[in-house]
N, C-alpha and C. Protein backbone atom coordinates (compact mmCIF):
# COMPACT_ATOMS: atom_id res chain seq x y z
N UNK A 1 18.31 35.66 -25.06
CA UNK A 1 17.29 36.00 -23.72
C UNK A 1 15.91 35.49 -23.98
N UNK A 2 14.96 35.49 -25.11
CA UNK A 2 14.18 34.44 -25.22
C UNK A 2 13.99 33.11 -24.89
N UNK A 3 15.22 32.13 -25.34
CA UNK A 3 15.63 30.78 -24.70
C UNK A 3 15.57 30.84 -23.53
N UNK A 4 16.06 31.21 -22.81
CA UNK A 4 15.73 30.99 -21.42
C UNK A 4 14.24 31.48 -21.03
N UNK A 5 13.89 32.02 -21.80
CA UNK A 5 12.50 32.55 -21.39
C UNK A 5 11.28 30.90 -21.46
N UNK A 6 11.90 30.28 -22.92
CA UNK A 6 10.98 29.51 -23.43
C UNK A 6 11.90 27.82 -22.33
N UNK A 7 12.93 28.10 -22.10
CA UNK A 7 13.44 26.90 -21.34
C UNK A 7 12.44 26.85 -19.78
N UNK A 8 12.58 27.97 -19.29
CA UNK A 8 11.83 28.19 -18.02
C UNK A 8 10.36 27.59 -18.33
N UNK A 9 9.68 27.83 -19.35
CA UNK A 9 7.95 27.45 -19.76
C UNK A 9 8.19 25.69 -19.52
N UNK A 10 8.81 25.35 -20.26
CA UNK A 10 8.83 23.86 -20.80
C UNK A 10 9.38 23.42 -19.62
N UNK A 11 10.23 24.15 -18.65
CA UNK A 11 10.68 23.29 -17.55
C UNK A 11 9.32 23.09 -16.44
N UNK A 12 8.94 24.51 -16.52
CA UNK A 12 7.73 24.60 -15.34
C UNK A 12 6.42 23.47 -15.59
N UNK A 13 5.98 23.18 -17.20
CA UNK A 13 5.41 22.25 -17.77
C UNK A 13 5.80 20.99 -17.19
N UNK A 14 6.95 20.79 -17.32
CA UNK A 14 7.46 18.92 -17.12
C UNK A 14 7.06 19.24 -15.34
N UNK A 15 7.25 20.11 -14.57
CA UNK A 15 7.21 19.75 -13.18
C UNK A 15 5.51 19.81 -12.69
N UNK A 16 4.94 20.39 -13.73
CA UNK A 16 3.50 20.17 -13.15
C UNK A 16 3.24 19.26 -13.90
N UNK A 17 3.31 18.86 -14.99
CA UNK A 17 2.62 17.48 -15.65
C UNK A 17 3.29 16.39 -14.45
N UNK A 18 4.75 16.29 -14.00
CA UNK A 18 4.97 15.09 -13.52
C UNK A 18 4.53 15.01 -12.24
N UNK A 19 3.82 16.39 -11.46
CA UNK A 19 2.96 16.28 -10.03
C UNK A 19 1.75 15.50 -10.88
N UNK A 20 1.27 15.85 -11.72
CA UNK A 20 -0.30 15.13 -11.92
C UNK A 20 -0.01 13.94 -11.91
N UNK A 21 0.82 13.00 -12.66
CA UNK A 21 1.30 11.92 -13.22
C UNK A 21 1.68 11.02 -11.55
N UNK A 22 2.53 11.66 -10.85
CA UNK A 22 2.77 11.24 -9.55
C UNK A 22 1.62 10.72 -8.63
N UNK A 23 0.22 11.95 -8.64
CA UNK A 23 -0.86 11.54 -8.00
C UNK A 23 -1.53 10.55 -8.76
N UNK A 24 -1.70 10.15 -9.91
CA UNK A 24 -2.37 9.41 -11.16
C UNK A 24 -1.70 8.19 -10.38
N UNK A 25 -0.21 7.61 -10.34
CA UNK A 25 0.20 6.40 -10.02
C UNK A 25 -0.21 6.15 -9.19
N UNK A 26 -0.29 7.38 -7.60
CA UNK A 26 -0.81 7.04 -6.51
C UNK A 26 -1.79 6.47 -6.51
N UNK A 27 -2.64 6.63 -6.48
CA UNK A 27 -4.35 6.42 -7.27
C UNK A 27 -4.57 5.15 -7.36
N UNK A 28 -3.39 5.19 -8.80
CA UNK A 28 -3.99 3.85 -9.15
C UNK A 28 -3.15 2.63 -8.41
N UNK A 29 -2.02 2.66 -7.76
CA UNK A 29 -1.65 1.70 -6.82
C UNK A 29 -2.48 1.62 -5.73
N UNK A 30 -2.79 2.81 -4.99
CA UNK A 30 -3.87 2.20 -3.89
C UNK A 30 -4.68 1.59 -4.15
N UNK A 31 -5.60 1.78 -5.53
CA UNK A 31 -6.61 0.92 -5.93
C UNK A 31 -6.53 -0.12 -6.18
N UNK A 32 -5.27 -0.60 -6.38
CA UNK A 32 -4.48 -2.17 -7.25
C UNK A 32 -4.41 -2.64 -5.70
N UNK A 33 -3.74 -2.16 -4.90
CA UNK A 33 -3.64 -2.83 -3.50
C UNK A 33 -5.10 -3.05 -2.99
N UNK A 34 -5.98 -2.42 -2.79
CA UNK A 34 -7.61 -2.58 -2.72
C UNK A 34 -7.81 -3.79 -3.06
N UNK A 35 -7.79 -3.86 -4.57
CA UNK A 35 -8.56 -4.21 -5.11
C UNK A 35 -8.07 -6.59 -4.65
N UNK A 36 -6.57 -5.87 -4.35
CA UNK A 36 -5.79 -7.51 -4.38
C UNK A 36 -6.26 -7.55 -2.54
N UNK A 37 -6.85 -7.10 -2.00
CA UNK A 37 -7.34 -7.02 -0.54
C UNK A 37 -8.62 -7.52 -0.46
N UNK A 38 -9.39 -7.07 -1.44
CA UNK A 38 -10.89 -7.64 -2.09
C UNK A 38 -10.20 -9.08 -2.62
N UNK A 39 -9.52 -9.05 -3.41
CA UNK A 39 -9.80 -10.57 -3.94
C UNK A 39 -9.09 -11.39 -2.66
N UNK A 40 -8.10 -11.30 -1.64
CA UNK A 40 -8.18 -12.02 -0.97
C UNK A 40 -9.30 -12.43 0.26
N UNK A 41 -10.25 -11.78 0.34
CA UNK A 41 -11.03 -11.65 1.10
C UNK A 41 -12.37 -12.83 0.28
N UNK A 42 -12.47 -12.54 -0.66
CA UNK A 42 -13.36 -13.12 -1.64
C UNK A 42 -13.11 -14.96 -1.70
N UNK A 43 -11.64 -14.98 -2.09
CA UNK A 43 -11.07 -16.15 -2.49
C UNK A 43 -10.95 -17.02 -1.02
N UNK A 44 -11.34 -16.46 0.13
CA UNK A 44 -11.35 -17.31 1.19
C UNK A 44 -13.27 -17.04 1.90
N UNK A 45 -13.50 -16.88 1.09
CA UNK A 45 -15.21 -16.35 0.89
C UNK A 45 -15.52 -16.45 2.58
N UNK A 46 -15.10 -15.04 2.96
CA UNK A 46 -15.56 -14.60 3.82
C UNK A 46 -16.45 -13.77 3.71
N UNK A 47 -17.47 -13.78 4.86
CA UNK A 47 -18.85 -12.28 4.28
C UNK A 47 -18.00 -11.22 4.72
N UNK A 48 -19.13 -10.16 4.01
CA UNK A 48 -18.67 -8.81 4.31
C UNK A 48 -17.68 -8.18 3.63
N UNK A 49 -17.16 -8.86 2.23
CA UNK A 49 -15.73 -8.22 1.67
C UNK A 49 -15.99 -7.06 0.66
N UNK A 50 -16.65 -6.70 0.76
CA UNK A 50 -17.13 -5.00 0.46
C UNK A 50 -17.16 -4.15 1.86
N UNK A 51 -17.76 -4.45 2.80
CA UNK A 51 -17.39 -3.69 4.31
C UNK A 51 -16.07 -3.99 4.28
N UNK A 52 -15.45 -4.98 4.40
CA UNK A 52 -13.64 -5.06 4.56
C UNK A 52 -12.88 -4.44 3.51
N UNK A 53 -13.30 -4.13 2.52
CA UNK A 53 -12.73 -3.31 1.27
C UNK A 53 -12.71 -1.91 1.47
N UNK A 54 -13.58 -1.85 2.06
CA UNK A 54 -13.78 -0.33 2.05
C UNK A 54 -13.28 0.33 3.16
N UNK A 55 -13.33 -0.40 4.37
CA UNK A 55 -12.51 -0.05 5.74
C UNK A 55 -10.72 -0.35 5.47
N UNK A 56 -10.44 -1.22 4.79
CA UNK A 56 -9.29 -1.21 3.98
C UNK A 56 -8.65 -0.07 3.62
N UNK A 57 -9.63 0.07 2.38
CA UNK A 57 -9.12 1.41 1.39
C UNK A 57 -8.90 2.72 2.33
N UNK A 58 -9.87 3.09 3.44
CA UNK A 58 -10.07 3.95 4.47
C UNK A 58 -8.59 3.85 5.16
N UNK A 59 -8.12 3.03 5.66
CA UNK A 59 -6.98 3.13 6.40
C UNK A 59 -5.91 3.36 5.52
N UNK A 60 -5.75 2.59 4.20
CA UNK A 60 -4.81 2.79 3.40
C UNK A 60 -4.45 4.46 2.88
N UNK A 61 -5.81 5.14 2.82
CA UNK A 61 -5.98 6.62 2.52
C UNK A 61 -5.39 7.13 3.39
N UNK A 62 -5.19 6.74 4.83
CA UNK A 62 -4.57 7.83 5.60
C UNK A 62 -3.14 7.36 5.90
N UNK A 63 -2.47 6.42 5.11
CA UNK A 63 -1.18 6.22 4.97
C UNK A 63 -0.35 6.84 3.77
N UNK A 64 0.61 7.03 4.00
CA UNK A 64 1.62 7.81 3.27
C UNK A 64 1.90 6.95 1.95
N UNK A 65 1.88 8.02 0.83
CA UNK A 65 2.14 7.52 -0.53
C UNK A 65 3.28 6.98 -0.92
N UNK A 66 3.58 6.03 -1.17
CA UNK A 66 5.18 5.08 -0.84
C UNK A 66 4.93 4.23 -2.30
N UNK A 67 4.62 5.32 -3.23
CA UNK A 67 4.30 4.57 -4.55
C UNK A 67 5.55 3.48 -4.70
N UNK A 68 6.77 3.47 -4.19
CA UNK A 68 7.80 2.30 -4.78
C UNK A 68 7.71 1.33 -3.95
N UNK A 69 7.05 1.60 -2.36
CA UNK A 69 6.77 0.34 -1.91
C UNK A 69 5.49 -0.35 -2.18
N UNK A 70 4.58 0.40 -2.50
CA UNK A 70 3.37 0.05 -3.24
C UNK A 70 3.55 -1.09 -4.33
N UNK A 71 4.29 -0.61 -5.23
CA UNK A 71 4.83 -1.24 -6.27
C UNK A 71 5.23 -2.79 -5.52
N UNK A 72 6.10 -2.63 -5.02
CA UNK A 72 6.29 -4.16 -4.24
C UNK A 72 6.00 -5.00 -3.72
N UNK A 73 5.02 -4.00 -2.86
CA UNK A 73 3.67 -4.78 -2.06
C UNK A 73 3.13 -6.11 -2.48
N UNK A 74 2.89 -6.73 -1.85
CA UNK A 74 1.75 -7.55 -1.97
C UNK A 74 2.15 -9.27 -3.22
N UNK A 75 3.54 -8.88 -2.86
CA UNK A 75 3.89 -9.86 -3.26
C UNK A 75 3.59 -9.70 -5.10
N UNK A 76 3.45 -8.37 -5.43
CA UNK A 76 2.72 -7.87 -6.86
C UNK A 76 3.58 -8.06 -7.50
N UNK A 77 4.39 -8.79 -7.47
CA UNK A 77 5.71 -9.11 -9.23
C UNK A 77 4.90 -10.20 -9.41
N UNK A 78 3.88 -11.07 -8.81
CA UNK A 78 3.54 -12.00 -9.36
C UNK A 78 2.14 -11.46 -10.23
N UNK A 79 1.86 -12.11 -11.10
CA UNK A 79 0.75 -12.22 -12.07
C UNK A 79 -0.25 -13.26 -11.52
N UNK A 80 -1.74 -13.08 -11.23
CA UNK A 80 -2.50 -13.89 -10.61
C UNK A 80 -3.05 -14.51 -12.10
N UNK A 81 -2.75 -15.32 -12.53
CA UNK A 81 -3.34 -15.91 -13.94
C UNK A 81 -4.74 -17.24 -13.29
N UNK A 82 -4.22 -17.52 -11.86
CA UNK A 82 -5.20 -18.12 -11.49
C UNK A 82 -5.23 -17.22 -9.75
N UNK A 83 -6.30 -18.21 -9.34
CA UNK A 83 -6.37 -17.16 -8.06
C UNK A 83 -5.88 -18.06 -6.77
N UNK A 84 -4.95 -19.39 -6.96
CA UNK A 84 -4.68 -19.90 -5.99
C UNK A 84 -3.76 -19.51 -5.19
N UNK A 85 -3.35 -18.52 -5.08
CA UNK A 85 -2.32 -17.82 -4.09
C UNK A 85 -3.55 -17.06 -3.23
N UNK A 86 -4.25 -16.47 -3.71
CA UNK A 86 -5.46 -15.27 -3.22
C UNK A 86 -5.22 -15.32 -1.78
N UNK A 87 -5.80 -17.04 -1.44
CA UNK A 87 -6.18 -16.99 -0.25
C UNK A 87 -5.67 -16.97 0.84
N UNK A 88 -4.17 -17.25 0.40
CA UNK A 88 -3.00 -17.40 1.39
C UNK A 88 -2.16 -15.59 1.13
N UNK A 89 -2.49 -14.90 0.57
CA UNK A 89 -1.64 -13.81 0.19
C UNK A 89 -1.35 -12.51 1.71
N UNK A 90 -2.19 -12.74 2.10
CA UNK A 90 -1.78 -11.84 3.93
C UNK A 90 -0.81 -12.44 4.50
N UNK A 91 -0.96 -14.14 4.84
CA UNK A 91 0.32 -14.90 4.95
C UNK A 91 1.84 -14.63 4.38
N UNK A 92 1.31 -15.12 2.94
CA UNK A 92 2.39 -14.19 2.15
C UNK A 92 3.00 -13.38 2.52
N UNK A 93 2.78 -11.91 2.82
CA UNK A 93 2.96 -11.30 3.14
C UNK A 93 3.93 -10.58 4.66
N UNK A 94 2.94 -11.61 5.42
CA UNK A 94 3.97 -11.79 6.45
C UNK A 94 5.01 -12.73 6.50
N UNK A 95 5.47 -13.52 6.05
CA UNK A 95 6.76 -14.17 5.36
C UNK A 95 7.05 -13.06 5.24
N UNK A 96 7.52 -12.20 3.81
CA UNK A 96 8.19 -11.83 3.55
C UNK A 96 8.74 -10.83 4.59
N UNK A 97 8.08 -9.86 5.48
CA UNK A 97 8.59 -9.25 6.71
C UNK A 97 9.02 -10.25 7.60
N UNK A 98 8.97 -11.42 7.98
CA UNK A 98 9.76 -11.92 8.59
C UNK A 98 11.07 -12.04 7.80
N UNK A 99 10.85 -12.96 6.37
CA UNK A 99 12.31 -13.54 6.03
C UNK A 99 13.31 -12.10 5.63
N UNK A 100 12.61 -10.76 5.11
CA UNK A 100 13.39 -9.70 6.02
C UNK A 100 14.05 -9.33 6.52
N UNK A 101 13.27 -9.82 7.96
CA UNK A 101 13.92 -9.33 8.96
C UNK A 101 15.39 -10.29 9.22
N UNK A 102 14.94 -11.25 8.95
CA UNK A 102 15.98 -12.63 8.67
C UNK A 102 17.70 -12.07 8.09
N UNK A 103 16.94 -11.35 7.01
CA UNK A 103 18.16 -10.69 6.51
C UNK A 103 18.40 -9.65 6.62
N UNK A 104 17.92 -8.67 7.67
CA UNK A 104 18.40 -7.64 8.09
C UNK A 104 17.91 -6.39 7.55
N UNK A 105 16.98 -6.60 6.74
CA UNK A 105 16.23 -5.54 6.09
C UNK A 105 14.87 -5.15 6.46
N UNK A 106 15.10 -4.42 7.62
CA UNK A 106 13.68 -4.08 8.64
C UNK A 106 12.94 -2.77 7.98
N UNK A 107 13.97 -2.18 6.76
CA UNK A 107 12.75 -1.20 5.79
C UNK A 107 12.12 -1.90 5.04
N UNK A 108 12.46 -2.77 4.12
CA UNK A 108 11.81 -3.64 3.80
C UNK A 108 10.28 -4.25 4.26
N UNK A 109 10.49 -4.68 5.28
CA UNK A 109 9.47 -5.07 6.12
C UNK A 109 8.50 -4.34 6.71
N UNK A 110 8.97 -2.93 6.80
CA UNK A 110 8.27 -1.60 7.25
C UNK A 110 7.28 -1.68 5.95
N UNK A 111 8.31 -1.52 4.74
CA UNK A 111 7.08 -1.70 3.89
C UNK A 111 6.06 -2.34 3.65
N UNK A 112 6.40 -3.76 3.75
CA UNK A 112 5.52 -4.88 3.70
C UNK A 112 4.14 -4.50 5.07
N UNK A 113 5.08 -4.13 5.99
CA UNK A 113 3.34 -3.93 7.33
C UNK A 113 2.73 -2.65 7.29
N UNK A 114 3.09 -1.97 6.75
CA UNK A 114 2.25 -0.84 5.62
C UNK A 114 1.12 -1.76 5.16
N UNK A 115 1.20 -2.93 4.33
CA UNK A 115 -0.05 -3.19 3.94
C UNK A 115 -0.82 -4.19 5.16
N UNK A 116 -0.10 -5.00 5.90
CA UNK A 116 -0.85 -5.46 7.06
C UNK A 116 -1.80 -4.56 8.11
N UNK A 117 -1.07 -3.67 7.67
CA UNK A 117 -1.32 -2.29 9.20
C UNK A 117 -3.52 -2.19 8.73
N UNK A 118 -3.55 -1.93 7.36
CA UNK A 118 -5.28 -1.98 7.36
C UNK A 118 -6.30 -3.50 7.82
N UNK A 119 -4.83 -4.22 7.14
CA UNK A 119 -5.93 -5.57 7.48
C UNK A 119 -5.94 -6.09 8.83
N UNK A 120 -5.19 -5.47 9.48
CA UNK A 120 -5.23 -5.81 10.95
C UNK A 120 -6.34 -4.77 11.98
N UNK A 121 -6.44 -3.82 11.05
CA UNK A 121 -7.51 -2.96 11.52
C UNK A 121 -8.96 -3.49 11.26
N UNK A 122 -8.86 -3.96 9.98
CA UNK A 122 -10.03 -4.27 9.57
C UNK A 122 -10.72 -5.69 9.63
N UNK A 123 -9.39 -6.37 9.87
CA UNK A 123 -9.88 -8.14 10.14
C UNK A 123 -11.14 -8.56 10.87
N UNK A 124 -11.81 -7.64 11.79
CA UNK A 124 -12.80 -8.35 12.81
C UNK A 124 -13.90 -8.10 11.97
N UNK A 125 -14.10 -7.57 10.62
CA UNK A 125 -15.13 -7.38 10.18
C UNK A 125 -15.38 -8.64 9.37
N UNK A 126 -14.30 -9.35 8.83
CA UNK A 126 -14.63 -10.47 8.23
C UNK A 126 -14.00 -11.96 8.87
N UNK A 127 -13.57 -11.76 10.43
CA UNK A 127 -13.47 -12.51 10.89
C UNK A 127 -11.88 -13.20 10.50
N UNK A 128 -11.35 -12.56 9.97
CA UNK A 128 -10.09 -13.32 9.70
C UNK A 128 -8.62 -13.15 10.39
N UNK A 129 -7.51 -13.72 10.57
CA UNK A 129 -6.84 -13.60 12.03
C UNK A 129 -5.61 -12.31 11.73
N UNK A 130 -5.51 -11.68 12.85
CA UNK A 130 -4.29 -10.78 12.57
C UNK A 130 -2.99 -10.82 12.83
N UNK A 131 -1.90 -10.34 12.04
CA UNK A 131 -0.71 -10.44 12.13
C UNK A 131 0.16 -9.57 13.10
N UNK A 132 1.02 -10.17 13.86
CA UNK A 132 1.87 -9.05 14.58
C UNK A 132 2.95 -8.36 13.68
N UNK A 133 2.77 -7.20 13.65
CA UNK A 133 3.21 -6.12 13.26
C UNK A 133 3.99 -5.09 14.34
N UNK A 134 3.84 -5.84 15.53
CA UNK A 134 4.20 -4.48 16.79
C UNK A 134 5.62 -3.71 16.17
N UNK A 135 6.88 -4.59 15.77
CA UNK A 135 7.59 -3.82 15.69
C UNK A 135 7.71 -2.53 14.63
N UNK A 136 6.37 -2.48 14.57
CA UNK A 136 6.78 -1.75 13.11
C UNK A 136 5.66 -0.44 13.68
N UNK A 137 4.89 -0.78 14.36
CA UNK A 137 3.35 0.06 15.04
C UNK A 137 3.68 1.36 15.13
N UNK A 138 4.81 1.65 15.80
CA UNK A 138 5.55 3.21 16.22
C UNK A 138 5.76 3.90 15.04
N UNK A 139 6.65 3.29 13.78
CA UNK A 139 6.72 3.44 12.52
C UNK A 139 5.57 4.27 11.45
N UNK A 140 4.68 2.90 11.60
CA UNK A 140 3.23 3.22 11.20
C UNK A 140 2.72 4.36 11.59
N UNK A 141 2.66 4.59 13.14
CA UNK A 141 2.07 5.45 13.44
C UNK A 141 2.70 6.88 13.16
N UNK A 142 3.69 7.21 13.30
CA UNK A 142 4.42 8.05 12.95
C UNK A 142 4.31 8.58 11.57
N UNK A 143 4.23 7.77 10.64
CA UNK A 143 4.19 7.89 9.06
C UNK A 143 2.70 8.77 9.22
N UNK A 144 1.75 7.65 9.29
CA UNK A 144 0.52 8.44 9.18
C UNK A 144 0.36 9.93 10.00
N UNK A 145 0.98 9.83 11.03
CA UNK A 145 0.96 11.45 11.68
C UNK A 145 1.24 12.28 10.75
N UNK A 146 2.12 11.67 10.19
CA UNK A 146 3.32 13.22 9.28
C UNK A 146 2.22 13.85 8.26
N UNK A 147 1.92 12.22 7.81
CA UNK A 147 1.50 12.24 6.46
C UNK A 147 -0.16 13.12 6.84
N UNK A 148 -0.93 12.94 7.93
CA UNK A 148 -2.07 13.85 7.89
C UNK A 148 -1.52 15.51 8.48
N UNK A 149 -0.14 15.37 8.76
CA UNK A 149 0.03 17.06 9.21
C UNK A 149 0.38 17.78 7.56
N UNK A 150 1.20 16.64 7.19
CA UNK A 150 1.20 17.70 5.88
C UNK A 150 0.42 17.45 4.53
N UNK A 151 -1.04 17.09 4.96
CA UNK A 151 -2.10 17.00 4.06
C UNK A 151 -3.24 18.07 4.53
N UNK A 152 -3.12 18.58 5.97
CA UNK A 152 -3.95 19.52 6.21
C UNK A 152 -3.79 20.91 5.85
């Protein structure tokens, strides 16, 4: 009988710790994505990068935590040993969306469009171009709405 008590205690501890770890991963990934957006802004020598980064972060915080997607985002499998790619990063993300659409992988295109959504909302701050993600706007809005309802 005591063994069941120990197993239950162990299981409860594991479940609680995994919840804490998930929250930390989510925060780190959001921080990483925001940092990369800031690097994009600074690499293009835009003005008001701090304001753009805060705006980007604010919109990113409204979106559902897609830890698996966030790790795939930004072409983030790359290491930036130099900043040659940073100025073109939003173009690279958009190219990934279009490439995935050609392959019939709209699910991946939706994941990448979650990165361009905050950029499009904040691009006027730095006078950067916007990207057409209208095919995914309804799904993004639905995700944001359900995320807000879930967190109220």
